[in-house]
Amino acid sequence: MDNRTIIRFEHVFMEYDDGEVVLNDISFDIERGKFYTLLGPSGCGKTTILRLIAGFATPTKGTITLNNKVINQVPANERQVNTVFQDYALFPHLNVFENVAFGLRVKKVKPKLIEEKVREALRFVNLSGYEKREIREMSGGQRQRVAIARAIVNEPEVLLLDEPLSALDLKLRTEMQYELRELQRRLGITFIFVTHDQEEALAMSDEIFVLNKGVIQQSGTPIDIYDEPINRFVADFIGESNIVPAVMIEDYVVEVNGMRFDCVDAGFSAHEPVELVLRPEDLEITTVAQGKMKVRVDTQLFRGVHYEIVCYDEAGHEWLVHSTRKASVGEEIGLTFEPEAIHIMRFNETEEEFDKRLEAYEHEGAYVR
């Protein structure tokens, strides 16, 4: 383990008494000073990972290390980790100052130092001057900032955030995304954020772990995850995707329903069945004569910044298009796209197989999928 790694999971399993496996052989590293997001649907295991790091649960098998020290049996109060819960868990009978100071008082820190630390923590979350405010008088966003101040006042090496934005309205939620990201940069500590919101994860993270059924399906930067999904689950869960059956004719040529398209993918067997992925924003509307494929418009909705158009090709495949150009229901239109917009996936490919192809790409200069 190098000095950049602060947390490591090695072959971690988590199983309940009734035999339900929540985490199935999870291994990953968390580096210092980065913003990580655990992303996935309800019940995928993301909150369980947070509980294991915090010390609220113990793995059935495997090893968890913090700063090169195995912490499987280390009590929660002895870990340099703090948690911001979904409901913030603030004390309603204490004012803002006392909520933030609570942990320091428990540790019997000297009163003068408590005052310095609390005021500094409140300054970090832009709540200077709110020290005497009652919690019931605070807005949702302000309460969240109080919860964060209470967590960071203890100077943790890792801050865990368990869906802290889920109770906020859309506008405030967006504002708090910016604030959290900026706070993490200013503090320079490791944030591990749990959410089921894909756009939130893409907007805030340095690295994302996509989980499903207790397994990490894919990890990488937001751009990696969005542009190069490893399998159907990731492609479908992260944003919106058109995923259709296809056949690789040869390197850099794929066929869909008899139509052949240039792409940037190689390394498949000739005539191997695959899945083709095209994001809705990568499809451009044009005339039938100019398009790479002909489709008929089925429905159209105006989404403010673009039209959301559902159309079907002659084989019955559905295509979702995001376009600033309006179309008419029932109209035949052409769709065009760049070869780089096409992403080819093998069926049920493992993460290990994907890593091998990525390594081949780095050495050979061709994205060998």
Protein backbone atom coordinates (compact mmCIF):
# COMPACT_ATOMS: atom_id res chain seq x y z
CA MET A 1 0.00 0.00 0.00
CA ASP A 2 1.51 3.35 -1.02
CA ASN A 3 1.19 6.61 0.92
CA ARG A 4 -1.68 7.81 -1.26
CA THR A 5 -3.96 4.98 -0.17
CA ILE A 6 -5.90 5.73 3.02
CA ILE A 7 -8.54 2.95 2.93
CA ARG A 8 -8.30 -0.51 1.45
CA PHE A 9 -10.94 -3.24 1.18
CA GLU A 10 -9.51 -6.69 0.45
CA HIS A 11 -11.96 -9.48 -0.47
CA VAL A 12 -14.63 -8.17 1.89
CA PHE A 13 -17.86 -10.13 2.33
CA MET A 14 -20.88 -9.05 4.35
CA GLU A 15 -23.60 -11.57 5.07
CA TYR A 16 -26.63 -11.27 7.32
CA ASP A 17 -27.69 -13.97 9.77
CA ASP A 18 -30.45 -15.10 7.39
CA GLY A 19 -27.83 -15.87 4.71
CA GLU A 20 -28.41 -12.78 2.55
CA VAL A 21 -25.12 -11.67 0.99
CA VAL A 22 -24.93 -7.85 0.98
CA LEU A 23 -21.33 -7.53 -0.22
CA ASN A 24 -19.73 -10.24 -2.35
CA ASP A 25 -15.91 -10.18 -2.49
CA ILE A 26 -15.39 -6.41 -2.60
CA SER A 27 -11.85 -5.05 -3.13
CA PHE A 28 -10.86 -1.42 -3.76
CA ASP A 29 -8.53 1.38 -2.68
CA ILE A 30 -9.44 4.90 -1.57
CA GLU A 31 -6.79 7.60 -2.03
CA ARG A 32 -6.25 10.63 0.17
CA GLY A 33 -7.84 13.95 -0.67
CA LYS A 34 -10.28 12.76 -3.33
CA PHE A 35 -14.06 12.86 -3.65
CA TYR A 36 -15.44 9.32 -4.08
CA THR A 37 -19.02 8.33 -4.74
CA LEU A 38 -20.66 4.96 -4.10
CA LEU A 39 -23.47 4.82 -6.65
CA GLY A 40 -26.17 2.24 -7.18
CA PRO A 41 -29.82 1.30 -6.65
CA SER A 42 -31.35 0.65 -3.25
CA GLY A 43 -30.02 -2.52 -1.64
CA CYS A 44 -26.84 -2.67 -3.74
CA GLY A 45 -24.50 -2.49 -0.70
CA LYS A 46 -23.28 1.12 -0.84
CA THR A 47 -24.50 2.12 2.64
CA THR A 48 -23.09 -1.15 4.03
CA ILE A 49 -19.65 -0.13 2.77
CA LEU A 50 -20.03 3.19 4.56
CA ARG A 51 -21.05 1.43 7.80
CA LEU A 52 -18.02 -0.86 7.57
CA ILE A 53 -15.68 2.11 7.17
CA ALA A 54 -17.35 3.98 10.03
CA GLY A 55 -17.18 0.99 12.37
CA PHE A 56 -20.94 0.50 12.69
CA ALA A 57 -20.66 -3.02 11.23
CA THR A 58 -18.03 -5.76 10.97
CA PRO A 59 -17.35 -7.73 7.76
CA THR A 60 -18.12 -11.43 7.64
CA LYS A 61 -14.84 -12.05 5.81
CA GLY A 62 -12.01 -9.95 4.41
CA THR A 63 -9.82 -7.11 5.60
CA ILE A 64 -10.40 -3.36 5.91
CA THR A 65 -7.38 -1.14 6.54
CA LEU A 66 -7.14 2.54 7.43
CA ASN A 67 -3.67 4.08 7.18
CA ASN A 68 -2.13 0.61 6.84
CA LYS A 69 -3.82 -0.57 10.06
CA VAL A 70 -6.45 -3.34 10.04
CA ILE A 71 -9.61 -1.82 11.55
CA ASN A 72 -12.08 -4.73 11.38
CA GLN A 73 -12.40 -4.75 15.17
CA VAL A 74 -11.51 -1.12 15.94
CA PRO A 75 -14.43 0.71 17.65
CA ALA A 76 -16.10 3.53 15.72
CA ASN A 77 -14.99 6.20 18.20
CA GLU A 78 -11.33 5.27 17.68
CA ARG A 79 -11.35 5.78 13.91
CA GLN A 80 -10.38 9.08 12.26
CA VAL A 81 -13.67 8.97 10.40
CA ASN A 82 -16.87 11.00 10.78
CA THR A 83 -20.30 10.51 9.22
CA VAL A 84 -22.96 12.92 7.96
CA PHE A 85 -26.25 11.03 8.04
CA GLN A 86 -29.23 11.37 5.71
CA ASP A 87 -31.35 12.99 8.44
CA TYR A 88 -28.31 14.95 9.79
CA ALA A 89 -28.94 13.58 13.36
CA LEU A 90 -28.69 17.05 14.93
CA PHE A 91 -29.74 17.67 18.53
CA PRO A 92 -32.92 19.80 18.37
CA HIS A 93 -32.52 21.05 21.97
CA LEU A 94 -29.02 22.46 21.29
CA ASN A 95 -28.19 25.58 19.29
CA VAL A 96 -25.80 25.58 16.33
CA PHE A 97 -22.68 26.18 18.43
CA GLU A 98 -23.47 23.41 20.90
CA ASN A 99 -24.33 20.94 18.13
CA VAL A 100 -20.96 21.50 16.53
CA ALA A 101 -19.14 21.50 19.86
CA PHE A 102 -20.76 18.31 21.14
CA GLY A 103 -18.03 15.86 20.09
CA LEU A 104 -15.29 18.12 21.40
CA ARG A 105 -16.98 18.40 24.78
CA VAL A 106 -17.25 14.62 24.97
CA LYS A 107 -13.49 14.46 24.37
CA LYS A 108 -13.02 17.07 27.17
CA VAL A 109 -11.25 19.56 24.92
CA LYS A 110 -10.47 22.85 26.69
CA PRO A 111 -13.27 25.46 26.33
CA LYS A 112 -11.07 28.05 24.61
CA LEU A 113 -9.94 25.54 22.00
CA ILE A 114 -13.55 24.38 21.53
CA GLU A 115 -14.60 27.93 20.72
CA GLU A 116 -11.75 28.36 18.21
CA LYS A 117 -12.47 25.05 16.49
CA VAL A 118 -16.26 25.54 16.32
CA ARG A 119 -15.96 29.03 14.86
CA GLU A 120 -13.43 27.78 12.30
CA ALA A 121 -15.70 24.89 11.29
CA LEU A 122 -18.69 27.21 10.91
CA ARG A 123 -16.60 29.58 8.83
CA PHE A 124 -15.71 26.70 6.51
CA VAL A 125 -19.39 25.96 5.86
CA ASN A 126 -20.36 29.66 5.55
CA LEU A 127 -22.32 29.79 8.82
CA SER A 128 -20.30 32.38 10.73
CA GLY A 129 -22.67 34.39 12.93
CA TYR A 130 -25.16 31.52 13.31
CA GLU A 131 -23.65 30.21 16.55
CA LYS A 132 -26.69 30.99 18.73
CA ARG A 133 -29.32 30.05 16.14
CA GLU A 134 -31.72 27.27 17.14
CA ILE A 135 -31.79 24.20 14.90
CA ARG A 136 -35.55 24.50 14.35
CA GLU A 137 -34.96 27.95 12.85
CA MET A 138 -32.56 26.63 10.21
CA SER A 139 -33.43 25.71 6.62
CA GLY A 140 -32.68 22.26 5.21
CA GLY A 141 -29.48 23.43 3.55
CA GLN A 142 -28.33 25.22 6.70
CA ARG A 143 -28.97 22.12 8.82
CA GLN A 144 -26.89 20.08 6.43
CA ARG A 145 -24.03 22.55 6.80
CA VAL A 146 -24.30 22.35 10.59
CA ALA A 147 -24.04 18.55 10.33
CA ILE A 148 -20.94 18.88 8.14
CA ALA A 149 -19.39 21.42 10.54
CA ARG A 150 -20.00 19.01 13.43
CA ALA A 151 -18.24 16.28 11.46
CA ILE A 152 -15.21 18.29 10.32
CA VAL A 153 -14.60 19.98 13.69
CA ASN A 154 -13.10 16.67 14.86
CA GLU A 155 -10.57 16.87 12.01
CA PRO A 156 -11.33 13.46 10.48
CA GLU A 157 -9.15 12.00 7.75
CA VAL A 158 -12.24 10.67 6.00
CA LEU A 159 -15.73 12.18 5.86
CA LEU A 160 -18.58 9.77 5.07
CA LEU A 161 -21.81 11.22 3.64
CA ASP A 162 -24.86 8.95 3.50
CA GLU A 163 -27.25 10.49 0.94
CA PRO A 164 -27.16 13.87 2.72
CA LEU A 165 -28.90 15.71 -0.16
CA SER A 166 -31.87 13.39 -0.64
CA ALA A 167 -34.28 15.41 1.55
CA LEU A 168 -33.61 18.74 -0.21
CA ASP A 169 -35.62 20.26 -3.03
CA LEU A 170 -34.08 20.25 -6.51
CA LYS A 171 -32.77 23.84 -6.51
CA LEU A 172 -31.21 23.58 -3.04
CA ARG A 173 -29.85 20.13 -3.85
CA THR A 174 -28.01 21.53 -6.88
CA GLU A 175 -26.61 24.41 -4.82
CA MET A 176 -25.39 22.03 -2.13
CA GLN A 177 -23.63 19.87 -4.73
CA TYR A 178 -21.45 22.84 -5.62
CA GLU A 179 -20.91 23.69 -1.95
CA LEU A 180 -19.92 20.16 -0.97
CA ARG A 181 -17.47 19.85 -3.85
CA GLU A 182 -15.88 23.19 -3.03
CA LEU A 183 -15.76 22.32 0.69
CA GLN A 184 -13.94 19.07 -0.07
CA ARG A 185 -11.36 20.94 -2.15
CA ARG A 186 -10.79 23.50 0.60
CA LEU A 187 -10.52 20.92 3.38
CA GLY A 188 -8.34 18.58 1.34
CA ILE A 189 -9.70 15.49 3.11
CA THR A 190 -11.21 12.35 1.61
CA PHE A 191 -14.98 12.42 1.02
CA ILE A 192 -16.92 9.19 0.46
CA PHE A 193 -20.41 10.05 -0.70
CA VAL A 194 -23.35 7.65 -1.07
CA THR A 195 -26.13 8.34 -3.57
CA HIS A 196 -28.49 6.65 -6.00
CA ASP A 197 -28.62 9.81 -8.15
CA GLN A 198 -26.51 9.37 -11.28
CA GLU A 199 -26.33 13.06 -12.21
CA GLU A 200 -25.23 13.91 -8.67
CA ALA A 201 -22.44 11.34 -8.84
CA LEU A 202 -21.23 12.53 -12.25
CA ALA A 203 -21.22 16.18 -11.18
CA MET A 204 -19.35 15.84 -7.89
CA SER A 205 -16.92 12.94 -8.01
CA ASP A 206 -13.26 12.39 -8.73
CA GLU A 207 -14.03 8.67 -8.88
CA ILE A 208 -17.22 6.61 -8.87
CA PHE A 209 -17.84 3.05 -7.77
CA VAL A 210 -20.97 1.67 -9.44
CA LEU A 211 -22.50 -1.13 -7.37
CA ASN A 212 -25.23 -3.67 -8.04
CA LYS A 213 -26.21 -6.72 -6.00
CA GLY A 214 -23.24 -6.40 -3.67
CA VAL A 215 -20.62 -6.24 -6.44
CA ILE A 216 -18.65 -3.31 -7.86
CA GLN A 217 -19.66 -3.34 -11.51
CA GLN A 218 -17.23 -0.62 -12.58
CA SER A 219 -15.03 2.09 -11.10
CA GLY A 220 -13.44 5.10 -12.72
CA THR A 221 -13.74 8.82 -13.35
CA PRO A 222 -17.18 10.21 -14.24
CA ILE A 223 -16.08 10.53 -17.88
CA ASP A 224 -14.82 6.92 -17.96
CA ILE A 225 -18.03 5.61 -16.44
CA TYR A 226 -20.27 7.63 -18.75
CA ASP A 227 -18.38 7.21 -22.02
CA GLU A 228 -17.08 3.66 -21.56
CA PRO A 229 -19.64 1.63 -19.57
CA ILE A 230 -18.40 -1.89 -18.96
CA ASN A 231 -21.77 -3.66 -19.23
CA ARG A 232 -25.48 -3.16 -19.81
CA PHE A 233 -26.23 -2.37 -16.18
CA VAL A 234 -23.73 0.49 -16.02
CA ALA A 235 -24.71 1.83 -19.45
CA ASP A 236 -28.38 1.78 -18.51
CA PHE A 237 -27.96 3.06 -14.95
CA ILE A 238 -25.60 5.95 -15.71
CA GLY A 239 -27.62 8.44 -17.71
CA GLU A 240 -29.78 7.35 -20.62
CA SER A 241 -28.57 5.01 -23.34
CA ASN A 242 -29.69 3.41 -26.54
CA ILE A 243 -28.57 -0.22 -26.28
CA VAL A 244 -29.29 -2.47 -29.26
CA PRO A 245 -28.05 -5.90 -30.38
CA ALA A 246 -25.35 -5.76 -33.04
CA VAL A 247 -22.65 -7.83 -34.74
CA MET A 248 -18.98 -6.93 -35.12
CA ILE A 249 -18.16 -7.54 -38.77
CA GLU A 250 -14.45 -6.79 -38.35
CA ASP A 251 -12.26 -4.37 -36.45
CA TYR A 252 -13.85 -0.90 -36.53
CA VAL A 253 -17.01 -2.04 -38.34
CA VAL A 254 -20.27 -2.96 -36.59
CA GLU A 255 -23.60 -4.01 -38.08
CA VAL A 256 -27.10 -3.26 -36.76
CA ASN A 257 -30.06 -4.73 -38.62
CA GLY A 258 -28.10 -4.95 -41.87
CA MET A 259 -26.70 -1.42 -41.55
CA ARG A 260 -22.91 -1.16 -41.19
CA PHE A 261 -21.28 1.65 -39.25
CA ASP A 262 -17.67 2.66 -38.71
CA CYS A 263 -16.63 2.70 -35.06
CA VAL A 264 -13.42 2.89 -33.01
CA ASP A 265 -13.66 -0.58 -31.48
CA ALA A 266 -11.47 -3.58 -32.20
CA GLY A 267 -10.45 -6.93 -30.77
CA PHE A 268 -13.66 -8.87 -31.34
CA SER A 269 -14.08 -12.08 -33.30
CA ALA A 270 -15.50 -11.75 -36.80
CA HIS A 271 -19.32 -11.75 -36.63
CA GLU A 272 -19.31 -11.80 -32.83
CA PRO A 273 -22.70 -10.77 -31.30
CA VAL A 274 -22.28 -7.62 -29.21
CA GLU A 275 -24.29 -4.72 -27.81
CA LEU A 276 -24.03 -1.24 -29.32
CA VAL A 277 -24.44 1.82 -27.09
CA LEU A 278 -25.26 5.32 -28.31
CA ARG A 279 -26.08 8.16 -25.93
CA PRO A 280 -29.19 10.23 -26.86
CA GLU A 281 -27.18 13.47 -27.07
CA ASP A 282 -24.80 11.90 -29.62
CA LEU A 283 -27.58 11.35 -32.16
CA GLU A 284 -28.21 14.19 -34.60
CA ILE A 285 -31.41 14.66 -36.59
CA THR A 286 -31.03 15.11 -40.33
CA THR A 287 -32.89 14.25 -43.53
CA VAL A 288 -33.51 10.62 -44.42
CA ALA A 289 -31.13 10.94 -47.38
CA GLN A 290 -28.32 12.32 -45.22
CA GLY A 291 -28.82 10.05 -42.21
CA LYS A 292 -26.98 6.86 -41.35
CA MET A 293 -30.30 5.28 -40.40
CA LYS A 294 -33.97 6.02 -41.05
CA VAL A 295 -36.43 6.19 -38.16
CA ARG A 296 -40.02 7.26 -37.56
CA VAL A 297 -40.83 9.68 -34.72
CA ASP A 298 -43.19 8.18 -32.14
CA THR A 299 -43.31 10.76 -29.32
CA GLN A 300 -41.73 14.10 -28.50
CA LEU A 301 -41.44 16.03 -25.22
CA PHE A 302 -39.94 19.48 -24.64
CA ARG A 303 -37.45 19.37 -21.74
CA GLY A 304 -36.43 23.04 -21.66
CA VAL A 305 -32.91 22.80 -23.08
CA HIS A 306 -33.74 20.08 -25.63
CA TYR A 307 -36.47 17.96 -27.15
CA GLU A 308 -36.69 14.36 -25.99
CA ILE A 309 -37.69 12.33 -29.03
CA VAL A 310 -38.54 8.63 -29.12
CA CYS A 311 -38.38 7.00 -32.53
CA TYR A 312 -38.20 3.51 -34.05
CA ASP A 313 -36.16 2.04 -36.88
CA GLU A 314 -37.49 -0.47 -39.41
CA ALA A 315 -36.46 -3.40 -37.20
CA GLY A 316 -38.49 -2.04 -34.29
CA HIS A 317 -35.52 -0.87 -32.18
CA GLU A 318 -36.33 2.14 -30.03
CA TRP A 319 -34.01 5.16 -30.26
CA LEU A 320 -34.05 8.02 -27.76
CA VAL A 321 -32.76 11.32 -29.12
CA HIS A 322 -31.96 14.56 -27.27
CA SER A 323 -31.97 17.38 -29.80
CA THR A 324 -32.46 21.13 -30.01
CA ARG A 325 -34.18 20.45 -33.31
CA LYS A 326 -37.91 19.79 -33.24
CA ALA A 327 -39.49 16.89 -35.14
CA SER A 328 -43.11 15.94 -35.79
CA VAL A 329 -44.81 12.80 -34.53
CA GLY A 330 -45.10 10.33 -37.41
CA GLU A 331 -42.34 12.05 -39.42
CA GLU A 332 -39.58 9.98 -41.01
CA ILE A 333 -36.18 11.44 -40.19
CA GLY A 334 -32.54 10.47 -40.51
CA LEU A 335 -30.16 9.98 -37.60
CA THR A 336 -26.43 10.46 -37.88
CA PHE A 337 -23.55 10.15 -35.40
CA GLU A 338 -19.77 10.06 -35.26
CA PRO A 339 -17.84 6.75 -35.10
CA GLU A 340 -16.39 7.87 -31.75
CA ALA A 341 -19.90 8.07 -30.29
CA ILE A 342 -20.42 4.32 -30.67
CA HIS A 343 -19.47 2.14 -27.70
CA ILE A 344 -19.39 -1.64 -28.12
CA MET A 345 -19.93 -3.99 -25.17
CA ARG A 346 -19.45 -7.71 -24.90
CA PHE A 347 -22.23 -9.64 -23.25
CA ASN A 348 -21.65 -10.17 -19.49
CA GLU A 349 -18.02 -9.12 -19.61
CA THR A 350 -16.18 -9.17 -16.27
CA GLU A 351 -14.22 -6.23 -14.91
CA GLU A 352 -11.01 -8.29 -15.19
CA GLU A 353 -11.60 -8.86 -18.92
CA PHE A 354 -12.26 -5.16 -19.36
CA ASP A 355 -9.01 -4.26 -17.57
CA LYS A 356 -7.04 -6.55 -19.92
CA ARG A 357 -8.49 -4.84 -22.96
CA LEU A 358 -7.82 -1.41 -21.48
CA GLU A 359 -4.19 -2.40 -20.92
CA ALA A 360 -3.98 -3.58 -24.53
CA TYR A 361 -5.33 -0.22 -25.64
CA GLU A 362 -2.66 1.64 -23.71
CA HIS A 363 0.07 -0.46 -25.34
CA GLU A 364 -1.31 -0.77 -28.86
CA GLY A 365 -3.12 2.53 -29.33
CA ALA A 366 -6.41 0.92 -30.35
CA TYR A 367 -9.31 0.52 -27.99
CA VAL A 368 -9.40 -3.26 -27.92
CA ARG A 369 -12.80 -4.19 -26.61
